[in-house]
N, C-alpha and C. Protein backbone atom coordinates (compact mmCIF):
# COMPACT_ATOMS: atom_id res chain seq x y z
N MET A 1 204.60 186.00 86.41
CA MET A 1 205.84 185.17 86.46
C MET A 1 205.67 184.07 86.83
N LYS A 2 206.22 182.99 86.08
CA LYS A 2 206.07 181.40 86.44
C LYS A 2 207.11 181.04 87.60
N LEU A 3 206.57 179.64 87.87
CA LEU A 3 207.07 179.36 89.54
C LEU A 3 208.63 179.07 89.15
N ILE A 4 209.18 178.28 88.22
CA ILE A 4 210.39 177.88 87.96
C ILE A 4 211.24 178.91 87.82
N PRO A 5 211.13 180.15 86.93
CA PRO A 5 212.08 181.50 87.11
C PRO A 5 211.82 181.88 88.27
N ARG A 6 210.66 181.93 89.04
CA ARG A 6 210.57 182.73 90.45
C ARG A 6 211.67 182.10 91.24
N LEU A 7 211.51 180.60 91.40
CA LEU A 7 212.44 179.95 92.34
C LEU A 7 213.93 180.21 91.92
N MET A 8 214.29 180.30 90.71
CA MET A 8 215.58 180.51 90.44
C MET A 8 216.11 181.85 90.71
N LEU A 9 215.36 182.92 90.68
CA LEU A 9 215.76 184.36 90.73
C LEU A 9 215.60 184.47 92.48
N LEU A 10 214.55 183.56 92.99
CA LEU A 10 214.91 183.88 94.62
C LEU A 10 216.04 183.08 95.11
N ILE A 11 216.54 182.00 94.49
CA ILE A 11 217.95 181.34 94.93
C ILE A 11 219.14 182.23 94.50
N GLY A 12 218.99 182.76 93.41
CA GLY A 12 220.27 183.59 93.13
C GLY A 12 220.37 184.93 93.89
N ILE A 13 219.05 185.58 94.35
CA ILE A 13 219.33 186.90 95.21
C ILE A 13 219.60 186.31 96.38
N LEU A 14 219.05 185.09 96.90
CA LEU A 14 219.42 184.63 98.30
C LEU A 14 220.81 184.09 98.53
N ALA A 15 221.36 183.53 97.41
CA ALA A 15 222.61 182.98 97.48
C ALA A 15 223.79 184.16 97.52
N SER A 16 223.44 185.29 96.55
CA SER A 16 224.37 186.16 96.18
C SER A 16 224.09 187.09 97.65
N GLY A 17 223.02 187.34 97.99
CA GLY A 17 222.85 188.11 99.32
C GLY A 17 223.63 187.36 100.76
N THR A 18 223.42 185.99 100.71
CA THR A 18 224.06 185.42 101.92
C THR A 18 225.81 185.40 101.57
N VAL A 19 226.19 185.10 100.58
CA VAL A 19 227.67 185.23 100.31
C VAL A 19 228.31 186.52 100.67
N LEU A 20 227.44 187.76 100.18
CA LEU A 20 228.04 188.89 100.41
C LEU A 20 227.96 189.30 102.06
N ASP A 21 226.54 189.18 102.35
CA ASP A 21 226.70 189.34 103.98
C ASP A 21 227.47 188.58 104.89
N GLN A 22 227.20 187.52 104.65
CA GLN A 22 227.76 186.38 105.79
C GLN A 22 229.71 186.59 105.44
N GLY A 23 229.81 186.88 104.32
CA GLY A 23 231.46 187.10 103.82
C GLY A 23 231.89 188.08 104.53
N THR A 24 231.02 189.45 104.31
CA THR A 24 231.66 190.70 105.17
C THR A 24 231.35 190.84 106.51
N LYS A 25 230.15 190.25 107.14
CA LYS A 25 230.34 189.94 108.51
C LYS A 25 231.81 189.29 108.87
N MET A 26 232.13 188.14 108.49
CA MET A 26 233.28 187.46 108.81
C MET A 26 234.50 188.32 108.74
N LEU A 27 234.60 189.20 107.58
CA LEU A 27 235.72 190.17 107.43
C LEU A 27 235.62 191.19 108.40
N ALA A 28 234.49 191.81 108.67
CA ALA A 28 234.17 192.73 109.76
C ALA A 28 234.63 192.31 111.30
N LYS A 29 234.40 190.97 111.28
CA LYS A 29 234.78 190.25 112.84
C LYS A 29 236.47 190.52 112.91
N GLN A 30 236.83 189.84 111.78
CA GLN A 30 238.48 189.78 111.85
C GLN A 30 239.15 191.14 111.74
N LYS A 31 238.57 191.97 110.64
CA LYS A 31 239.39 193.07 110.78
C LYS A 31 239.03 194.60 111.85
N LEU A 32 237.91 194.41 112.28
CA LEU A 32 237.32 195.65 113.02
C LEU A 32 237.12 195.47 114.37
N SER A 33 236.97 194.00 114.76
CA SER A 33 236.39 193.68 116.05
C SER A 33 237.40 194.08 117.27
N GLY A 34 238.54 194.61 116.85
CA GLY A 34 239.56 195.27 118.07
C GLY A 34 239.44 196.48 118.35
N GLY A 35 238.49 197.38 117.74
CA GLY A 35 237.98 198.72 118.21
C GLY A 35 238.56 199.60 117.07
N GLN A 36 239.15 199.44 116.25
CA GLN A 36 239.56 200.03 115.21
C GLN A 36 238.30 200.54 114.39
N SER A 37 238.25 201.88 113.66
CA SER A 37 237.12 202.14 112.51
C SER A 37 237.83 202.84 111.41
N TYR A 38 237.39 202.95 110.23
CA TYR A 38 237.83 203.54 109.12
C TYR A 38 236.58 204.56 108.70
N SER A 39 237.13 205.46 108.24
CA SER A 39 236.28 206.69 107.89
C SER A 39 236.69 207.20 106.63
N TYR A 40 235.67 207.40 105.51
CA TYR A 40 235.88 207.84 104.27
C TYR A 40 234.82 208.82 103.90
N PHE A 41 235.53 209.58 102.82
CA PHE A 41 234.56 210.79 102.16
C PHE A 41 234.01 211.61 103.33
N PHE A 42 235.08 212.25 104.02
CA PHE A 42 234.76 213.19 105.19
C PHE A 42 233.75 212.59 105.95
N ASP A 43 233.80 211.28 106.72
CA ASP A 43 233.10 210.77 107.39
C ASP A 43 231.80 210.34 106.88
N SER A 44 231.34 210.45 105.59
CA SER A 44 230.04 210.15 105.29
C SER A 44 229.66 208.60 105.05
N PHE A 45 230.96 207.91 105.29
CA PHE A 45 230.94 206.53 105.20
C PHE A 45 231.99 205.70 106.44
N ARG A 46 231.47 204.98 107.25
CA ARG A 46 232.40 204.65 108.32
C ARG A 46 232.28 202.96 108.29
N LEU A 47 233.36 202.46 108.75
CA LEU A 47 233.26 201.06 108.99
C LEU A 47 233.57 200.70 110.64
N GLN A 48 232.81 200.29 111.21
CA GLN A 48 233.15 200.16 112.56
C GLN A 48 232.41 199.05 113.02
N TYR A 49 233.13 197.99 113.79
CA TYR A 49 232.39 196.75 114.34
C TYR A 49 231.44 196.94 115.38
N SER A 50 230.27 196.19 115.60
CA SER A 50 229.31 196.41 116.33
C SER A 50 228.41 195.03 116.48
N GLU A 51 228.28 194.76 117.66
CA GLU A 51 227.29 193.45 117.96
C GLU A 51 225.95 193.83 118.47
N ASN A 52 225.03 193.61 117.51
CA ASN A 52 223.59 193.91 117.94
C ASN A 52 222.85 193.04 118.54
N ARG A 53 222.44 192.91 119.45
CA ARG A 53 221.67 191.89 120.37
C ARG A 53 220.05 192.31 120.28
N GLY A 54 220.03 193.04 119.39
CA GLY A 54 218.44 193.85 119.61
C GLY A 54 218.01 193.65 117.77
N ALA A 55 217.00 194.46 117.48
CA ALA A 55 216.37 194.53 116.15
C ALA A 55 216.72 195.65 115.47
N PHE A 56 216.25 196.25 114.86
CA PHE A 56 216.24 197.58 113.98
C PHE A 56 216.88 198.67 115.23
N LEU A 57 218.24 199.38 115.03
CA LEU A 57 218.36 200.27 115.97
C LEU A 57 218.56 199.85 117.50
N SER A 58 218.91 198.40 117.54
CA SER A 58 218.87 197.81 118.86
C SER A 58 217.64 197.69 119.88
N MET A 59 216.62 197.73 119.01
CA MET A 59 215.24 197.65 119.77
C MET A 59 215.34 196.14 120.15
N PHE A 60 214.70 196.10 121.39
CA PHE A 60 214.29 194.89 122.05
C PHE A 60 215.39 194.08 122.53
N ASP A 61 216.87 194.90 122.62
CA ASP A 61 218.02 194.32 123.18
C ASP A 61 217.95 193.90 124.50
N ASN A 62 216.93 194.58 125.10
CA ASN A 62 217.01 194.41 126.84
C ASN A 62 216.18 193.13 127.38
N ILE A 63 215.40 192.83 126.26
CA ILE A 63 214.67 191.62 126.55
C ILE A 63 215.68 190.19 126.81
N PRO A 64 215.33 189.89 128.12
CA PRO A 64 216.03 188.75 128.50
C PRO A 64 215.88 187.22 127.83
N ASP A 65 216.59 186.50 127.71
CA ASP A 65 216.34 185.19 127.05
C ASP A 65 215.65 184.45 127.99
N PRO A 66 214.88 183.43 127.54
CA PRO A 66 214.53 182.94 126.34
C PRO A 66 213.65 183.79 125.54
N MET A 67 212.91 184.78 126.18
CA MET A 67 211.70 185.43 125.57
C MET A 67 212.54 186.64 124.29
N GLY A 68 213.81 187.02 124.71
CA GLY A 68 214.64 187.77 123.69
C GLY A 68 214.85 186.84 122.22
N SER A 69 215.21 185.68 122.59
CA SER A 69 215.44 184.75 121.29
C SER A 69 214.29 184.50 120.39
N ILE A 70 212.89 184.24 121.08
CA ILE A 70 211.82 184.18 120.68
C ILE A 70 211.42 185.34 119.94
N VAL A 71 211.56 186.49 120.29
CA VAL A 71 211.07 187.76 119.78
C VAL A 71 211.80 188.03 118.67
N LEU A 72 213.21 187.99 118.67
CA LEU A 72 214.29 188.00 117.64
C LEU A 72 214.70 187.01 116.82
N ALA A 73 214.33 185.73 116.93
CA ALA A 73 214.64 184.72 116.00
C ALA A 73 213.29 183.93 115.67
N PHE A 74 212.47 183.55 116.65
CA PHE A 74 211.40 182.48 116.19
C PHE A 74 210.33 183.22 115.40
N VAL A 75 210.01 184.57 116.15
CA VAL A 75 208.82 185.36 115.57
C VAL A 75 209.17 185.62 113.89
N PRO A 76 210.43 186.20 113.84
CA PRO A 76 210.72 186.40 112.44
C PRO A 76 210.92 185.30 111.46
N SER A 77 211.28 184.15 112.04
CA SER A 77 211.42 183.04 111.09
C SER A 77 209.83 182.40 110.64
N VAL A 78 208.92 182.76 111.30
CA VAL A 78 207.74 182.33 111.15
C VAL A 78 207.02 183.26 109.86
N ILE A 79 207.50 184.71 110.45
CA ILE A 79 207.12 185.57 109.19
C ILE A 79 207.93 185.49 107.89
N LEU A 80 209.06 185.00 108.00
CA LEU A 80 209.90 184.77 106.67
C LEU A 80 209.22 183.44 105.95
N ILE A 81 208.85 182.18 106.80
CA ILE A 81 208.15 181.26 106.13
C ILE A 81 206.83 181.73 105.48
N LEU A 82 206.11 182.35 106.03
CA LEU A 82 204.82 183.02 105.52
C LEU A 82 205.15 183.77 104.25
N LEU A 83 206.14 184.67 104.44
CA LEU A 83 206.55 185.31 103.24
C LEU A 83 207.25 184.55 101.83
N LEU A 84 207.61 183.43 102.27
CA LEU A 84 208.18 182.55 101.08
C LEU A 84 206.82 181.82 100.62
N ILE A 85 206.06 181.27 101.35
CA ILE A 85 204.71 180.70 100.90
C ILE A 85 204.28 181.50 99.83
N TYR A 86 203.95 182.90 100.39
CA TYR A 86 203.15 183.64 99.43
C TYR A 86 203.89 184.30 98.30
N MET A 87 205.31 184.30 98.32
CA MET A 87 206.25 184.44 96.97
C MET A 87 206.00 183.32 96.02
N ILE A 88 205.94 182.12 96.59
CA ILE A 88 206.08 181.02 95.86
C ILE A 88 204.58 180.65 95.27
N ALA A 89 203.39 180.98 95.99
CA ALA A 89 202.03 180.70 95.87
C ALA A 89 201.23 181.62 94.98
N SER A 90 201.71 182.97 95.01
CA SER A 90 201.23 183.98 94.20
C SER A 90 201.44 183.80 92.94
N LYS A 91 200.18 184.01 91.83
CA LYS A 91 200.29 183.52 90.57
C LYS A 91 200.36 184.94 89.79
N LYS A 92 199.86 186.09 90.39
CA LYS A 92 200.06 187.14 89.60
C LYS A 92 201.06 188.36 89.95
N MET A 93 202.12 187.67 90.61
CA MET A 93 203.18 188.84 90.77
C MET A 93 204.05 189.32 90.10
N THR A 94 204.31 190.65 89.67
CA THR A 94 205.10 191.09 89.06
C THR A 94 206.60 190.64 89.13
N SER A 95 207.63 190.74 88.15
CA SER A 95 209.12 190.73 88.43
C SER A 95 209.55 191.59 89.52
N VAL A 96 209.25 192.93 89.46
CA VAL A 96 209.76 193.96 90.27
C VAL A 96 209.26 193.67 91.67
N TYR A 97 208.00 193.33 91.85
CA TYR A 97 207.68 193.18 93.11
C TYR A 97 208.25 191.94 93.86
N PHE A 98 208.16 190.94 92.72
CA PHE A 98 208.96 189.73 93.42
C PHE A 98 210.52 189.80 93.81
N ILE A 99 211.09 190.78 93.15
CA ILE A 99 212.32 191.06 93.41
C ILE A 99 212.62 191.79 94.73
N ALA A 100 211.80 192.71 95.10
CA ALA A 100 211.71 193.27 96.11
C ALA A 100 211.40 192.62 97.44
N LEU A 101 210.50 191.49 97.15
CA LEU A 101 210.19 190.91 98.37
C LEU A 101 211.44 189.50 98.64
N ALA A 102 212.10 189.27 97.70
CA ALA A 102 213.30 188.32 97.59
C ALA A 102 214.34 189.22 98.43
N LEU A 103 214.66 190.39 98.16
CA LEU A 103 215.78 191.37 98.82
C LEU A 103 215.38 191.26 100.47
N ILE A 104 214.06 191.57 100.59
CA ILE A 104 213.59 191.61 102.24
C ILE A 104 213.85 190.14 102.57
N PHE A 105 213.26 189.17 101.75
CA PHE A 105 213.55 187.78 102.57
C PHE A 105 214.82 187.25 102.63
N THR A 106 215.83 187.98 101.89
CA THR A 106 217.21 187.47 102.01
C THR A 106 217.94 188.36 103.46
N CYS A 107 217.25 189.45 103.42
CA CYS A 107 217.45 190.23 104.58
C CYS A 107 217.31 189.72 105.95
N GLY A 108 216.04 189.20 105.94
CA GLY A 108 215.54 188.27 107.18
C GLY A 108 216.32 187.09 107.47
N VAL A 109 216.40 186.26 106.21
CA VAL A 109 217.00 185.02 106.56
C VAL A 109 218.38 185.18 106.99
N ASN A 110 219.28 185.93 106.51
CA ASN A 110 220.62 186.32 107.08
C ASN A 110 220.85 186.75 108.22
N ASN A 111 219.77 187.66 108.98
CA ASN A 111 219.69 188.45 110.27
C ASN A 111 219.50 187.24 111.09
N VAL A 112 218.38 186.15 110.85
CA VAL A 112 217.88 185.45 111.80
C VAL A 112 218.89 184.16 111.83
N PHE A 113 219.68 184.06 110.63
CA PHE A 113 220.73 183.03 110.62
C PHE A 113 221.70 183.61 111.69
N GLY A 114 222.30 184.69 111.67
CA GLY A 114 223.24 185.37 112.64
C GLY A 114 222.85 185.39 113.94
N ARG A 115 221.48 185.54 114.31
CA ARG A 115 221.13 185.49 115.58
C ARG A 115 221.02 184.17 116.06
N ILE A 116 220.89 183.08 115.40
CA ILE A 116 220.85 181.56 115.88
C ILE A 116 222.19 181.08 115.87
N VAL A 117 223.12 181.62 114.97
CA VAL A 117 224.67 180.97 115.31
C VAL A 117 225.24 181.77 116.08
N ASN A 118 225.27 183.15 116.21
CA ASN A 118 225.79 183.99 117.21
C ASN A 118 224.91 184.09 118.64
N HIS A 119 224.18 183.29 118.76
CA HIS A 119 223.30 183.26 120.25
C HIS A 119 222.53 184.79 120.05
N ARG A 120 221.89 184.99 119.11
CA ARG A 120 220.91 186.24 119.31
C ARG A 120 221.71 187.41 118.84
N MET A 121 223.14 187.70 118.37
CA MET A 121 223.87 188.66 118.07
C MET A 121 223.92 188.79 116.66
N VAL A 122 223.72 190.04 115.87
CA VAL A 122 224.11 190.35 114.58
C VAL A 122 225.20 191.32 114.56
N ILE A 123 226.08 190.91 113.62
CA ILE A 123 227.59 191.64 113.16
C ILE A 123 226.96 192.78 112.32
N ASP A 124 227.13 194.16 112.69
CA ASP A 124 226.86 195.36 111.93
C ASP A 124 228.37 195.77 111.63
N PHE A 125 228.41 196.66 110.57
CA PHE A 125 229.83 197.15 110.63
C PHE A 125 229.83 198.32 109.69
N MET A 126 228.82 199.08 109.35
CA MET A 126 228.72 199.89 108.34
C MET A 126 227.77 201.34 108.84
N SER A 127 228.08 202.46 108.71
CA SER A 127 227.11 203.66 108.83
C SER A 127 227.44 204.56 107.83
N PHE A 128 226.41 205.30 107.46
CA PHE A 128 226.44 206.56 106.71
C PHE A 128 225.83 207.94 107.36
N SER A 129 226.64 208.75 106.75
CA SER A 129 225.89 210.20 107.31
C SER A 129 226.24 211.39 106.19
N VAL A 130 225.72 212.49 106.55
CA VAL A 130 225.81 213.53 105.71
C VAL A 130 227.00 214.51 106.47
N GLY A 131 228.33 214.24 105.98
CA GLY A 131 229.48 214.59 106.42
C GLY A 131 229.68 214.38 107.89
N PRO A 132 230.42 214.89 108.71
CA PRO A 132 230.79 214.60 110.05
C PRO A 132 229.59 214.94 110.98
N PHE A 133 228.52 215.67 110.55
CA PHE A 133 227.35 216.14 111.80
C PHE A 133 226.16 215.31 111.65
N PHE A 134 225.65 214.75 110.58
CA PHE A 134 224.53 213.97 110.45
C PHE A 134 224.56 212.66 110.39
N ARG A 135 224.77 211.80 111.00
CA ARG A 135 224.73 210.14 110.75
C ARG A 135 223.22 209.77 110.91
N PHE A 136 223.05 209.39 109.66
CA PHE A 136 221.49 209.39 109.23
C PHE A 136 221.32 207.66 109.24
N THR A 137 221.93 206.86 109.56
CA THR A 137 221.81 205.29 109.98
C THR A 137 222.19 204.76 111.06
N GLY A 138 221.86 203.93 111.72
CA GLY A 138 222.72 203.19 112.78
C GLY A 138 223.53 202.33 111.96
N ILE A 139 224.35 201.76 113.12
CA ILE A 139 225.35 200.53 112.13
C ILE A 139 224.58 199.32 111.63
N LEU A 140 224.78 199.27 110.20
CA LEU A 140 223.94 197.97 109.52
C LEU A 140 225.07 196.93 108.71
N ASN A 141 224.61 196.09 108.19
CA ASN A 141 225.47 195.38 107.43
C ASN A 141 224.83 194.97 106.06
N PHE A 142 225.28 194.24 105.17
CA PHE A 142 224.71 194.12 103.61
C PHE A 142 223.18 193.49 103.82
N ALA A 143 223.20 192.52 104.85
CA ALA A 143 221.50 192.23 104.61
C ALA A 143 220.50 193.08 104.94
N ASP A 144 220.98 194.18 105.73
CA ASP A 144 220.09 195.40 105.96
C ASP A 144 220.03 196.18 104.78
N ILE A 145 221.10 196.49 104.09
CA ILE A 145 220.93 197.05 102.75
C ILE A 145 220.10 196.27 101.72
N TYR A 146 220.19 195.06 101.67
CA TYR A 146 219.18 194.33 101.04
C TYR A 146 217.57 194.39 101.10
N GLY A 147 217.40 194.23 102.47
CA GLY A 147 216.12 194.56 102.92
C GLY A 147 215.67 196.12 102.73
N THR A 148 216.34 197.38 102.89
CA THR A 148 216.25 198.53 102.61
C THR A 148 215.98 198.75 101.08
N ALA A 149 216.82 198.11 100.13
CA ALA A 149 216.54 198.23 98.86
C ALA A 149 215.60 197.58 98.52
N GLY A 150 214.85 196.38 99.00
CA GLY A 150 213.47 195.84 99.04
C GLY A 150 212.44 196.64 99.29
N VAL A 151 212.47 197.27 100.57
CA VAL A 151 211.37 198.29 100.94
C VAL A 151 211.38 199.61 100.00
N ILE A 152 212.56 199.97 99.65
CA ILE A 152 212.40 201.13 98.49
C ILE A 152 211.91 200.67 97.44
N ILE A 153 212.25 199.71 96.66
CA ILE A 153 211.56 199.02 95.48
C ILE A 153 209.93 198.98 95.49
N LEU A 154 209.39 198.65 96.98
CA LEU A 154 208.04 198.49 97.02
C LEU A 154 207.65 199.60 97.15
N PHE A 155 208.05 200.54 97.76
CA PHE A 155 207.48 202.00 97.86
C PHE A 155 207.39 202.76 96.47
N LEU A 156 208.57 202.69 95.67
CA LEU A 156 208.58 203.20 94.30
C LEU A 156 207.61 202.51 93.35
N THR A 157 207.50 201.34 93.46
CA THR A 157 206.44 200.56 92.75
C THR A 157 205.01 201.01 92.98
N ALA A 158 204.72 201.00 94.46
CA ALA A 158 203.34 201.71 94.75
C ALA A 158 203.15 203.13 94.41
N VAL A 159 204.09 203.88 94.41
CA VAL A 159 204.09 205.36 93.86
C VAL A 159 203.82 205.38 92.57
N PHE A 160 204.62 204.74 91.67
CA PHE A 160 204.69 204.95 90.33
C PHE A 160 203.89 203.88 89.27
N GLU A 161 203.33 202.80 90.12
CA GLU A 161 202.71 201.84 89.38
C GLU A 161 201.45 202.36 88.59
N ARG A 162 201.27 202.08 87.21
CA ARG A 162 200.02 202.58 86.50
C ARG A 162 199.01 201.75 86.91
N LYS A 163 197.83 202.34 87.38
CA LYS A 163 196.64 201.84 87.64
C LYS A 163 195.86 201.33 86.44
N PRO A 164 195.18 200.28 86.16
CA PRO A 164 194.54 199.61 85.13
C PRO A 164 193.42 200.68 84.59
N ASP A 165 193.19 201.05 83.72
CA ASP A 165 192.30 201.83 83.06
C ASP A 165 190.92 201.48 82.93
N ASN A 166 189.97 201.80 83.64
CA ASN A 166 188.56 200.97 83.47
C ASN A 166 187.55 201.52 82.69
N THR A 167 187.93 202.69 81.85
CA THR A 167 187.14 203.27 80.76
C THR A 167 186.99 202.11 79.54
N SER A 168 185.65 202.29 79.10
CA SER A 168 185.43 201.32 78.13
C SER A 168 186.36 201.70 76.65
N LYS A 169 186.41 201.01 75.71
CA LYS A 169 187.16 201.30 74.58
C LYS A 169 186.41 202.20 73.61
N ALA A 170 187.10 203.00 72.95
CA ALA A 170 186.32 204.09 71.99
C ALA A 170 185.32 203.06 71.36
N GLY A 171 184.09 203.69 71.09
CA GLY A 171 183.11 203.13 70.44
C GLY A 171 182.46 201.78 70.93
N GLY A 172 183.24 201.44 72.26
CA GLY A 172 182.48 200.14 72.90
C GLY A 172 181.10 200.27 73.27
N GLY A 173 180.78 201.32 73.67
CA GLY A 173 179.40 201.50 74.11
C GLY A 173 178.89 200.68 75.31
N GLY A 174 179.94 200.68 76.39
CA GLY A 174 179.84 199.96 77.99
C GLY A 174 179.63 198.67 77.71
N HIS A 175 180.30 197.92 77.11
CA HIS A 175 180.13 196.20 77.36
C HIS A 175 180.50 196.05 78.46
């Protein structure tokens, strides 16, 4: 995939993900921060406001500042810069692989942005379960869904990607 199409695709994914993520976080803060929650489909999908001062499933939320801010904003920012450089510099990246990385990049950018703007805190507001008994996600936001989709695409690509055939062509005699 050539550089200009890659950059346009990255900008599109990043822009759509940012509008969706930041817009829904703003709505969640306005509509759900009073403590109310909404349950749908026999409690398989729930909207409820949460402020996460940690990482995934509130990991590292007990690290005091300034170390907590370094761990949760600065380190991920460095990783995101390195990911962006890799995405731009790689010349043999497939479109599917690039899209997966762009989704993960969008997740990271939006969550780091939230941590910087909201003093280390990210707004989460959705959780999923199998009925009322087995809640299989923590509370998350749309950036997290973008990141999860990117990881799933990477996994599926790794599992189902065809490996190049290294056998010689018929009648080629081992060139």
